[in-house]
């Protein structure tokens, strides 16, 4: 597995070693020892799987208590995956990084605890799998406003995104509850 740096050191992509031939391909999508060597040393407690159509934007979500680290990958389609640093004491507080994850490139994203996370579907459909380092706790979930001008996220939109009510009601960063 290869660690690929992003503009925010704590967030990175992972390119697994893919072995392919005329029959198809094989790769390890998770190996605890290999992940620990990359700096992801967590006991994942939950796996999530979502399917979304083109133009769906999910996020930007985080849990103010029971923060979740997420190991994200796409098994069908393509997404633009975003992590926003919501740790006030961090030198990259309020900064974001975006990554293209797809079934074709087989890359994964590591979004550590302390970050809001979201994605936008650029393909016809996309299926996203992610491991979480803590359990979903709806009472602690928060949503940043996906198009907060203070964040300036450059989503690759093709028209108005499809949003849930929760995501439409996201809070701008300057009003949001964040980590110390």
N, C-alpha and C. Protein backbone atom coordinates (compact mmCIF):
# COMPACT_ATOMS: atom_id res chain seq x y z
N UNK A 1 0.84 -1.19 0.00
CA UNK A 1 0.00 0.00 0.00
C UNK A 1 0.87 1.24 0.00
N UNK A 2 0.47 2.20 -0.79
CA UNK A 2 1.23 3.44 -0.91
C UNK A 2 0.42 4.59 -0.31
N UNK A 3 1.06 5.37 0.54
CA UNK A 3 0.45 6.56 1.14
C UNK A 3 0.67 7.75 0.22
N UNK A 4 -0.43 8.44 -0.13
CA UNK A 4 -0.36 9.59 -1.02
C UNK A 4 -0.78 10.84 -0.25
N UNK A 5 0.15 11.76 -0.07
CA UNK A 5 -0.09 12.97 0.72
C UNK A 5 -1.10 13.89 0.05
N UNK A 6 -1.79 14.67 0.89
CA UNK A 6 -2.67 15.74 0.42
C UNK A 6 -2.18 17.05 1.03
N UNK A 7 -2.89 18.12 0.76
CA UNK A 7 -2.51 19.44 1.30
C UNK A 7 -2.65 19.52 2.81
N UNK A 8 -3.39 18.61 3.41
CA UNK A 8 -3.52 18.54 4.88
C UNK A 8 -2.87 17.22 5.30
N UNK A 9 -1.80 17.32 6.06
CA UNK A 9 -0.98 16.14 6.38
C UNK A 9 -1.75 14.99 7.02
N UNK A 10 -2.75 15.29 7.85
CA UNK A 10 -3.47 14.23 8.54
C UNK A 10 -4.43 13.45 7.65
N UNK A 11 -4.77 14.02 6.51
CA UNK A 11 -5.67 13.39 5.55
C UNK A 11 -4.82 12.91 4.38
N UNK A 12 -5.01 11.66 3.98
CA UNK A 12 -4.23 11.15 2.86
C UNK A 12 -5.00 10.09 2.10
N UNK A 13 -4.50 9.80 0.90
CA UNK A 13 -5.06 8.71 0.10
C UNK A 13 -4.14 7.50 0.21
N UNK A 14 -4.73 6.36 -0.09
CA UNK A 14 -3.99 5.11 -0.08
C UNK A 14 -4.21 4.43 -1.42
N UNK A 15 -3.12 4.05 -2.06
CA UNK A 15 -3.20 3.29 -3.30
C UNK A 15 -2.78 1.86 -2.97
N UNK A 16 -3.73 0.93 -3.01
CA UNK A 16 -3.37 -0.46 -2.70
C UNK A 16 -2.59 -1.09 -3.85
N UNK A 17 -1.85 -2.13 -3.54
CA UNK A 17 -1.20 -2.92 -4.59
C UNK A 17 -2.27 -3.77 -5.26
N UNK A 18 -2.48 -3.54 -6.54
CA UNK A 18 -3.53 -4.26 -7.28
C UNK A 18 -2.86 -5.28 -8.19
N UNK A 19 -3.33 -6.51 -8.13
CA UNK A 19 -2.80 -7.59 -8.95
C UNK A 19 -3.88 -8.01 -9.92
N UNK A 20 -3.61 -7.86 -11.21
CA UNK A 20 -4.61 -8.18 -12.21
C UNK A 20 -4.08 -8.99 -13.35
N UNK A 21 -4.98 -9.70 -13.99
CA UNK A 21 -4.69 -10.42 -15.22
C UNK A 21 -5.98 -10.54 -16.01
N UNK A 22 -6.00 -11.42 -17.02
CA UNK A 22 -7.18 -11.52 -17.87
C UNK A 22 -8.44 -11.94 -17.11
N UNK A 23 -8.31 -12.48 -15.91
CA UNK A 23 -9.46 -12.92 -15.12
C UNK A 23 -10.09 -11.78 -14.32
N UNK A 24 -9.33 -10.70 -14.09
CA UNK A 24 -9.82 -9.61 -13.25
C UNK A 24 -8.70 -9.07 -12.39
N UNK A 25 -9.01 -8.74 -11.13
CA UNK A 25 -8.00 -8.19 -10.23
C UNK A 25 -8.24 -8.66 -8.81
N UNK A 26 -7.21 -8.43 -7.98
CA UNK A 26 -7.28 -8.72 -6.55
C UNK A 26 -6.47 -7.65 -5.84
N UNK A 27 -6.98 -7.18 -4.69
CA UNK A 27 -6.18 -6.34 -3.82
C UNK A 27 -6.72 -6.43 -2.40
N UNK A 28 -5.84 -6.16 -1.44
CA UNK A 28 -6.26 -6.09 -0.04
C UNK A 28 -6.82 -4.70 0.18
N UNK A 29 -8.10 -4.61 0.51
CA UNK A 29 -8.68 -3.30 0.79
C UNK A 29 -8.46 -2.90 2.24
N UNK A 30 -8.14 -3.87 3.08
CA UNK A 30 -7.83 -3.55 4.47
C UNK A 30 -6.92 -4.62 5.04
N UNK A 31 -5.87 -4.19 5.69
CA UNK A 31 -4.95 -5.05 6.40
C UNK A 31 -4.50 -4.23 7.61
N UNK A 32 -4.87 -4.66 8.80
CA UNK A 32 -4.60 -3.87 10.00
C UNK A 32 -3.12 -3.51 10.14
N UNK A 33 -2.24 -4.47 9.92
CA UNK A 33 -0.81 -4.21 10.06
C UNK A 33 -0.33 -3.17 9.04
N UNK A 34 -0.73 -3.33 7.79
CA UNK A 34 -0.33 -2.38 6.74
C UNK A 34 -0.88 -0.98 7.03
N UNK A 35 -2.12 -0.91 7.49
CA UNK A 35 -2.72 0.39 7.81
C UNK A 35 -1.99 1.06 8.97
N UNK A 36 -1.64 0.28 9.99
CA UNK A 36 -0.91 0.83 11.14
C UNK A 36 0.44 1.41 10.69
N UNK A 37 1.09 0.73 9.73
CA UNK A 37 2.37 1.24 9.21
C UNK A 37 2.18 2.58 8.49
N UNK A 38 0.96 2.83 7.96
CA UNK A 38 0.67 4.11 7.29
C UNK A 38 0.21 5.18 8.28
N UNK A 39 -0.03 4.77 9.54
CA UNK A 39 -0.48 5.72 10.55
C UNK A 39 -1.95 5.61 10.91
N UNK A 40 -2.64 4.60 10.40
CA UNK A 40 -4.05 4.37 10.73
C UNK A 40 -4.10 3.19 11.69
N UNK A 41 -4.05 3.50 12.97
CA UNK A 41 -4.00 2.45 13.99
C UNK A 41 -5.25 2.52 14.85
N UNK A 42 -6.35 2.06 14.29
CA UNK A 42 -7.65 2.13 14.95
C UNK A 42 -8.32 0.76 14.93
N UNK A 43 -9.16 0.51 15.91
CA UNK A 43 -10.06 -0.63 15.88
C UNK A 43 -11.34 -0.14 15.24
N UNK A 44 -11.57 -0.48 13.99
CA UNK A 44 -12.79 -0.06 13.31
C UNK A 44 -13.96 -0.85 13.89
N UNK A 45 -15.06 -0.15 14.16
CA UNK A 45 -16.20 -0.77 14.84
C UNK A 45 -17.44 -0.86 13.96
N UNK A 46 -17.39 -0.24 12.79
CA UNK A 46 -18.59 -0.17 11.97
C UNK A 46 -18.19 -0.03 10.51
N UNK A 47 -18.85 -0.76 9.63
CA UNK A 47 -18.70 -0.60 8.18
C UNK A 47 -20.00 -0.05 7.63
N UNK A 48 -19.91 0.93 6.74
CA UNK A 48 -21.09 1.55 6.13
C UNK A 48 -21.00 1.43 4.62
N UNK A 49 -22.17 1.35 3.97
CA UNK A 49 -22.24 1.21 2.52
C UNK A 49 -23.38 2.10 2.04
N UNK A 50 -23.08 3.01 1.12
CA UNK A 50 -24.14 3.87 0.57
C UNK A 50 -24.12 3.76 -0.95
N UNK A 51 -25.29 3.94 -1.52
CA UNK A 51 -25.43 4.01 -2.98
C UNK A 51 -26.15 5.30 -3.28
N UNK A 52 -25.62 6.07 -4.23
CA UNK A 52 -26.20 7.37 -4.56
C UNK A 52 -26.13 7.58 -6.06
N UNK A 53 -27.05 8.40 -6.57
CA UNK A 53 -27.07 8.74 -7.98
C UNK A 53 -26.25 9.99 -8.27
N UNK A 54 -26.07 10.24 -9.57
CA UNK A 54 -25.32 11.41 -10.03
C UNK A 54 -25.89 12.68 -9.39
N UNK A 55 -25.00 13.57 -8.95
CA UNK A 55 -25.42 14.85 -8.41
C UNK A 55 -25.77 14.84 -6.94
N UNK A 56 -25.75 13.68 -6.29
CA UNK A 56 -26.02 13.61 -4.85
C UNK A 56 -24.80 14.12 -4.10
N UNK A 57 -25.03 15.01 -3.14
CA UNK A 57 -23.98 15.50 -2.27
C UNK A 57 -24.36 15.11 -0.85
N UNK A 58 -23.49 14.37 -0.20
CA UNK A 58 -23.71 13.93 1.18
C UNK A 58 -22.65 14.61 2.05
N UNK A 59 -23.10 15.33 3.07
CA UNK A 59 -22.15 15.95 3.98
C UNK A 59 -22.39 17.44 4.11
N UNK A 60 -21.60 18.01 4.87
CA UNK A 60 -20.34 17.63 5.50
C UNK A 60 -20.61 17.23 6.95
N UNK A 61 -20.42 15.97 7.28
CA UNK A 61 -20.82 15.43 8.58
C UNK A 61 -19.64 15.17 9.50
N UNK A 62 -19.90 15.32 10.80
CA UNK A 62 -18.95 14.93 11.84
C UNK A 62 -19.71 14.73 13.13
N UNK A 63 -19.09 14.07 14.09
CA UNK A 63 -19.70 13.87 15.41
C UNK A 63 -18.85 14.63 16.42
N UNK A 64 -19.49 15.55 17.14
CA UNK A 64 -18.77 16.38 18.10
C UNK A 64 -18.29 15.55 19.31
N UNK A 65 -19.01 14.51 19.65
CA UNK A 65 -18.56 13.50 20.62
C UNK A 65 -18.55 12.18 19.86
N UNK A 66 -17.72 11.25 20.32
CA UNK A 66 -17.51 10.00 19.59
C UNK A 66 -17.07 10.28 18.15
N UNK A 67 -16.04 11.13 17.98
CA UNK A 67 -15.59 11.45 16.62
C UNK A 67 -15.16 10.19 15.88
N UNK A 68 -15.48 10.17 14.60
CA UNK A 68 -15.18 9.01 13.77
C UNK A 68 -14.04 9.30 12.80
N UNK A 69 -13.08 8.40 12.77
CA UNK A 69 -12.14 8.36 11.66
C UNK A 69 -12.80 7.48 10.60
N UNK A 70 -12.60 7.81 9.33
CA UNK A 70 -13.24 7.06 8.25
C UNK A 70 -12.22 6.66 7.19
N UNK A 71 -12.26 5.39 6.84
CA UNK A 71 -11.46 4.86 5.74
C UNK A 71 -12.44 4.61 4.60
N UNK A 72 -12.37 5.46 3.57
CA UNK A 72 -13.40 5.55 2.53
C UNK A 72 -12.88 4.96 1.21
N UNK A 73 -13.74 4.17 0.55
CA UNK A 73 -13.41 3.70 -0.78
C UNK A 73 -14.67 3.54 -1.61
N UNK A 74 -14.51 3.52 -2.91
CA UNK A 74 -15.62 3.42 -3.85
C UNK A 74 -15.53 2.08 -4.56
N UNK A 75 -16.63 1.33 -4.58
CA UNK A 75 -16.64 0.03 -5.25
C UNK A 75 -17.39 0.06 -6.58
N UNK A 76 -18.12 1.14 -6.83
CA UNK A 76 -18.78 1.34 -8.13
C UNK A 76 -18.92 2.83 -8.35
N UNK A 77 -18.52 3.31 -9.52
CA UNK A 77 -18.66 4.73 -9.84
C UNK A 77 -17.50 5.58 -9.39
N UNK A 78 -17.80 6.90 -9.22
CA UNK A 78 -16.76 7.87 -8.87
C UNK A 78 -17.35 8.99 -8.03
N UNK A 79 -16.58 9.43 -7.04
CA UNK A 79 -16.98 10.55 -6.19
C UNK A 79 -15.84 11.55 -6.05
N UNK A 80 -16.23 12.76 -5.65
CA UNK A 80 -15.28 13.77 -5.20
C UNK A 80 -15.45 13.79 -3.69
N UNK A 81 -14.44 13.34 -2.97
CA UNK A 81 -14.49 13.16 -1.52
C UNK A 81 -13.81 14.34 -0.85
N UNK A 82 -14.43 14.88 0.21
CA UNK A 82 -13.94 16.10 0.86
C UNK A 82 -13.80 15.90 2.37
N UNK A 83 -12.70 16.40 2.92
CA UNK A 83 -12.48 16.44 4.37
C UNK A 83 -12.19 17.89 4.75
N UNK A 84 -12.83 18.37 5.83
CA UNK A 84 -12.64 19.73 6.34
C UNK A 84 -12.15 19.63 7.78
N UNK A 85 -11.05 20.30 8.08
CA UNK A 85 -10.49 20.29 9.43
C UNK A 85 -11.36 21.16 10.34
N UNK A 86 -11.96 20.56 11.37
CA UNK A 86 -12.79 21.31 12.31
C UNK A 86 -12.20 21.23 13.73
N UNK A 87 -10.88 21.17 13.78
CA UNK A 87 -10.14 21.20 15.06
C UNK A 87 -9.59 22.61 15.24
N UNK A 88 -10.21 23.38 16.10
CA UNK A 88 -9.83 24.79 16.27
C UNK A 88 -8.34 24.98 16.56
N UNK A 89 -7.72 24.08 17.29
CA UNK A 89 -6.30 24.22 17.65
C UNK A 89 -5.36 23.80 16.52
N UNK A 90 -5.88 23.32 15.42
CA UNK A 90 -5.05 22.84 14.32
C UNK A 90 -4.59 24.00 13.43
N UNK A 91 -3.37 23.93 12.92
CA UNK A 91 -2.90 24.97 11.99
C UNK A 91 -3.67 24.95 10.66
N UNK A 92 -4.40 23.87 10.39
CA UNK A 92 -5.18 23.79 9.14
C UNK A 92 -6.69 23.90 9.41
N UNK A 93 -7.05 24.45 10.58
CA UNK A 93 -8.47 24.62 10.91
C UNK A 93 -9.20 25.36 9.79
N UNK A 94 -10.35 24.84 9.37
CA UNK A 94 -11.16 25.47 8.35
C UNK A 94 -10.70 25.20 6.92
N UNK A 95 -9.60 24.49 6.77
CA UNK A 95 -9.12 24.16 5.43
C UNK A 95 -9.73 22.82 4.98
N UNK A 96 -9.81 22.65 3.68
CA UNK A 96 -10.39 21.43 3.13
C UNK A 96 -9.45 20.81 2.11
N UNK A 97 -9.66 19.54 1.86
CA UNK A 97 -8.95 18.83 0.81
C UNK A 97 -9.97 17.95 0.10
N UNK A 98 -9.84 17.89 -1.24
CA UNK A 98 -10.72 17.06 -2.05
C UNK A 98 -9.93 16.02 -2.82
N UNK A 99 -10.53 14.85 -2.97
CA UNK A 99 -9.86 13.72 -3.64
C UNK A 99 -10.85 13.00 -4.54
N UNK A 100 -10.39 12.54 -5.67
CA UNK A 100 -11.22 11.72 -6.53
C UNK A 100 -11.00 10.26 -6.18
N UNK A 101 -12.09 9.61 -5.78
CA UNK A 101 -12.06 8.18 -5.48
C UNK A 101 -13.00 7.49 -6.45
N UNK A 102 -12.55 6.37 -6.99
CA UNK A 102 -13.39 5.66 -7.95
C UNK A 102 -13.14 4.16 -7.88
N UNK A 103 -14.07 3.42 -8.45
CA UNK A 103 -13.87 1.97 -8.58
C UNK A 103 -12.68 1.70 -9.49
N UNK A 104 -12.47 2.57 -10.45
CA UNK A 104 -11.38 2.39 -11.40
C UNK A 104 -10.01 2.63 -10.76
N UNK A 105 -9.86 3.74 -9.99
CA UNK A 105 -8.53 4.01 -9.43
C UNK A 105 -8.26 3.25 -8.13
N UNK A 106 -9.31 2.70 -7.52
CA UNK A 106 -9.21 1.84 -6.33
C UNK A 106 -8.53 2.51 -5.14
N UNK A 107 -8.40 3.84 -5.18
CA UNK A 107 -7.78 4.55 -4.06
C UNK A 107 -8.76 4.68 -2.91
N UNK A 108 -8.19 4.80 -1.72
CA UNK A 108 -8.97 5.01 -0.51
C UNK A 108 -8.56 6.34 0.11
N UNK A 109 -9.45 6.90 0.92
CA UNK A 109 -9.13 8.13 1.64
C UNK A 109 -9.18 7.86 3.13
N UNK A 110 -8.22 8.41 3.86
CA UNK A 110 -8.24 8.37 5.32
C UNK A 110 -8.65 9.76 5.79
N UNK A 111 -9.81 9.81 6.47
CA UNK A 111 -10.33 11.04 7.06
C UNK A 111 -10.32 10.82 8.58
N UNK A 112 -9.36 11.40 9.29
CA UNK A 112 -9.22 11.11 10.72
C UNK A 112 -10.29 11.79 11.57
N UNK A 113 -10.43 11.35 12.83
CA UNK A 113 -11.33 12.05 13.75
C UNK A 113 -10.94 13.53 13.80
N UNK A 114 -11.94 14.40 13.93
CA UNK A 114 -11.68 15.83 13.97
C UNK A 114 -11.93 16.52 12.64
N UNK A 115 -12.42 15.78 11.67
CA UNK A 115 -12.70 16.32 10.34
C UNK A 115 -14.16 16.09 9.98
N UNK A 116 -14.75 17.08 9.31
CA UNK A 116 -16.06 16.89 8.69
C UNK A 116 -15.80 16.20 7.35
N UNK A 117 -16.74 15.37 6.93
CA UNK A 117 -16.56 14.58 5.72
C UNK A 117 -17.80 14.63 4.85
N UNK A 118 -17.59 14.66 3.55
CA UNK A 118 -18.69 14.59 2.61
C UNK A 118 -18.20 14.18 1.24
N UNK A 119 -19.15 13.90 0.35
CA UNK A 119 -18.77 13.57 -1.01
C UNK A 119 -19.87 13.93 -1.99
N UNK A 120 -19.46 14.07 -3.25
CA UNK A 120 -20.35 14.42 -4.35
C UNK A 120 -20.18 13.35 -5.43
N UNK A 121 -21.29 12.82 -5.93
CA UNK A 121 -21.26 11.76 -6.93
C UNK A 121 -21.14 12.36 -8.33
N UNK A 122 -20.08 12.02 -9.04
CA UNK A 122 -19.87 12.54 -10.39
C UNK A 122 -20.24 11.53 -11.48
N UNK A 123 -20.38 10.27 -11.13
CA UNK A 123 -20.75 9.23 -12.09
C UNK A 123 -22.27 9.02 -12.06
N UNK A 124 -22.77 8.17 -12.92
CA UNK A 124 -24.21 7.87 -12.97
C UNK A 124 -24.72 7.42 -11.60
N UNK A 125 -24.00 6.51 -10.97
CA UNK A 125 -24.25 6.09 -9.59
C UNK A 125 -22.89 5.84 -8.95
N UNK A 126 -22.89 5.76 -7.62
CA UNK A 126 -21.66 5.41 -6.91
C UNK A 126 -22.03 4.63 -5.65
N UNK A 127 -21.24 3.62 -5.38
CA UNK A 127 -21.37 2.88 -4.13
C UNK A 127 -20.10 3.12 -3.33
N UNK A 128 -20.31 3.62 -2.11
CA UNK A 128 -19.21 4.02 -1.24
C UNK A 128 -19.24 3.13 0.00
N UNK A 129 -18.09 2.59 0.34
CA UNK A 129 -17.91 1.81 1.56
C UNK A 129 -16.96 2.57 2.47
N UNK A 130 -17.27 2.60 3.76
CA UNK A 130 -16.28 3.17 4.66
C UNK A 130 -16.33 2.52 6.02
N UNK A 131 -15.14 2.36 6.57
CA UNK A 131 -14.96 1.85 7.92
C UNK A 131 -14.94 3.05 8.86
N UNK A 132 -15.58 2.90 10.01
CA UNK A 132 -15.61 3.99 11.00
C UNK A 132 -14.96 3.53 12.30
N UNK A 133 -14.22 4.45 12.91
CA UNK A 133 -13.48 4.13 14.13
C UNK A 133 -14.32 4.27 15.40
N UNK A 134 -15.53 4.79 15.28
CA UNK A 134 -16.45 4.84 16.42
C UNK A 134 -17.87 4.68 15.87
N UNK A 135 -18.79 4.36 16.76
CA UNK A 135 -20.16 4.10 16.36
C UNK A 135 -20.90 5.38 15.97
N UNK A 136 -21.85 5.24 15.08
CA UNK A 136 -22.71 6.35 14.71
C UNK A 136 -23.51 6.77 15.94
N UNK A 137 -23.50 8.06 16.24
CA UNK A 137 -24.20 8.62 17.39
C UNK A 137 -25.00 9.84 16.91
N UNK A 138 -26.25 9.63 16.47
CA UNK A 138 -27.01 10.73 15.87
C UNK A 138 -27.15 11.94 16.78
N UNK A 139 -27.16 11.75 18.08
CA UNK A 139 -27.30 12.88 19.00
C UNK A 139 -26.07 13.77 19.00
N UNK A 140 -24.95 13.27 18.50
CA UNK A 140 -23.71 14.05 18.44
C UNK A 140 -23.35 14.49 17.03
N UNK A 141 -24.16 14.10 16.05
CA UNK A 141 -23.84 14.43 14.66
C UNK A 141 -24.09 15.91 14.40
N UNK A 142 -23.18 16.50 13.63
CA UNK A 142 -23.29 17.89 13.21
C UNK A 142 -23.06 17.93 11.70
N UNK A 143 -23.59 18.97 11.06
CA UNK A 143 -23.40 19.14 9.62
C UNK A 143 -22.95 20.55 9.31
N UNK A 144 -21.83 20.67 8.63
CA UNK A 144 -21.39 21.96 8.12
C UNK A 144 -22.15 22.24 6.82
N UNK A 145 -22.35 23.50 6.55
CA UNK A 145 -22.98 23.92 5.30
C UNK A 145 -22.04 23.58 4.14
N UNK A 146 -22.51 22.77 3.22
CA UNK A 146 -21.67 22.26 2.13
C UNK A 146 -21.10 23.37 1.25
N UNK A 147 -21.84 24.49 1.13
CA UNK A 147 -21.39 25.59 0.26
C UNK A 147 -21.04 26.85 1.05
N UNK A 148 -20.59 26.69 2.28
CA UNK A 148 -20.18 27.81 3.11
C UNK A 148 -19.07 28.59 2.38
N UNK A 149 -19.31 29.88 2.07
CA UNK A 149 -18.28 30.66 1.36
C UNK A 149 -16.96 30.74 2.12
N UNK A 150 -17.00 30.65 3.45
CA UNK A 150 -15.77 30.70 4.23
C UNK A 150 -14.89 29.48 3.96
N UNK A 151 -15.50 28.37 3.61
CA UNK A 151 -14.72 27.16 3.28
C UNK A 151 -14.24 27.22 1.84
N UNK A 152 -15.08 27.68 0.95
CA UNK A 152 -14.69 27.80 -0.46
C UNK A 152 -14.41 26.47 -1.14
N UNK A 153 -15.15 25.44 -0.80
CA UNK A 153 -14.93 24.13 -1.42
C UNK A 153 -15.28 24.19 -2.90
N UNK A 154 -14.39 23.70 -3.72
CA UNK A 154 -14.57 23.70 -5.17
C UNK A 154 -15.17 22.37 -5.62
N UNK A 155 -16.46 22.20 -5.32
CA UNK A 155 -17.17 20.98 -5.72
C UNK A 155 -17.27 20.95 -7.25
N UNK A 156 -17.09 19.79 -7.88
CA UNK A 156 -17.21 19.70 -9.34
C UNK A 156 -18.68 19.52 -9.76
N UNK A 157 -19.50 20.49 -9.42
CA UNK A 157 -20.95 20.38 -9.63
C UNK A 157 -21.33 20.43 -11.10
N UNK A 158 -22.39 19.70 -11.42
CA UNK A 158 -23.00 19.78 -12.75
C UNK A 158 -24.48 20.08 -12.49
N UNK A 159 -24.75 21.31 -12.08
CA UNK A 159 -26.10 21.70 -11.69
C UNK A 159 -26.24 21.73 -10.19
N UNK A 160 -27.46 21.95 -9.72
CA UNK A 160 -27.72 21.97 -8.28
C UNK A 160 -27.58 20.57 -7.70
N UNK A 161 -26.86 20.40 -6.58
CA UNK A 161 -26.71 19.07 -6.00
C UNK A 161 -28.02 18.60 -5.35
N UNK A 162 -28.19 17.29 -5.26
CA UNK A 162 -29.31 16.70 -4.55
C UNK A 162 -28.87 16.52 -3.10
N UNK A 163 -29.63 17.15 -2.19
CA UNK A 163 -29.26 17.19 -0.77
C UNK A 163 -30.38 16.63 0.10
N UNK A 164 -30.02 16.09 1.25
CA UNK A 164 -31.00 15.73 2.26
C UNK A 164 -31.43 17.01 2.99
N UNK A 165 -32.54 16.95 3.71
CA UNK A 165 -32.96 18.10 4.51
C UNK A 165 -31.87 18.48 5.51
N UNK A 166 -31.27 17.45 6.13
CA UNK A 166 -30.21 17.69 7.11
C UNK A 166 -29.05 18.46 6.49
N UNK A 167 -28.66 18.10 5.27
CA UNK A 167 -27.53 18.76 4.63
C UNK A 167 -27.89 20.15 4.13
N UNK A 168 -29.14 20.37 3.74
CA UNK A 168 -29.59 21.71 3.35
C UNK A 168 -29.52 22.67 4.54
N UNK A 169 -29.69 22.14 5.75
CA UNK A 169 -29.70 22.95 6.96
C UNK A 169 -28.35 22.99 7.67
N UNK A 170 -27.28 22.64 6.95
CA UNK A 170 -25.95 22.68 7.55
C UNK A 170 -25.61 24.07 8.09
N UNK A 171 -24.69 24.10 9.02
CA UNK A 171 -24.30 25.33 9.72
C UNK A 171 -22.98 25.85 9.14
N UNK A 172 -22.86 27.17 8.92
CA UNK A 172 -21.56 27.72 8.49
C UNK A 172 -20.50 27.47 9.57
N UNK A 173 -19.27 27.34 9.15
CA UNK A 173 -18.18 27.03 10.08
C UNK A 173 -18.11 28.03 11.23
N UNK A 174 -18.31 29.32 10.96
CA UNK A 174 -18.17 30.31 12.02
C UNK A 174 -19.27 30.23 13.08
N UNK A 175 -20.32 29.44 12.84
CA UNK A 175 -21.39 29.23 13.82
C UNK A 175 -21.40 27.80 14.36
N UNK A 176 -20.58 26.94 13.81
CA UNK A 176 -20.62 25.51 14.13
C UNK A 176 -19.90 25.19 15.43
N UNK A 177 -20.38 24.14 16.07
CA UNK A 177 -19.69 23.56 17.21
C UNK A 177 -18.51 22.77 16.65
N UNK A 178 -17.30 23.07 17.12
CA UNK A 178 -16.10 22.40 16.60
C UNK A 178 -15.30 21.82 17.76
N UNK A 179 -14.25 21.10 17.42
CA UNK A 179 -13.37 20.52 18.43
C UNK A 179 -12.41 21.59 18.94
N UNK A 180 -11.94 21.40 20.16
CA UNK A 180 -10.99 22.35 20.76
C UNK A 180 -9.67 22.37 20.02
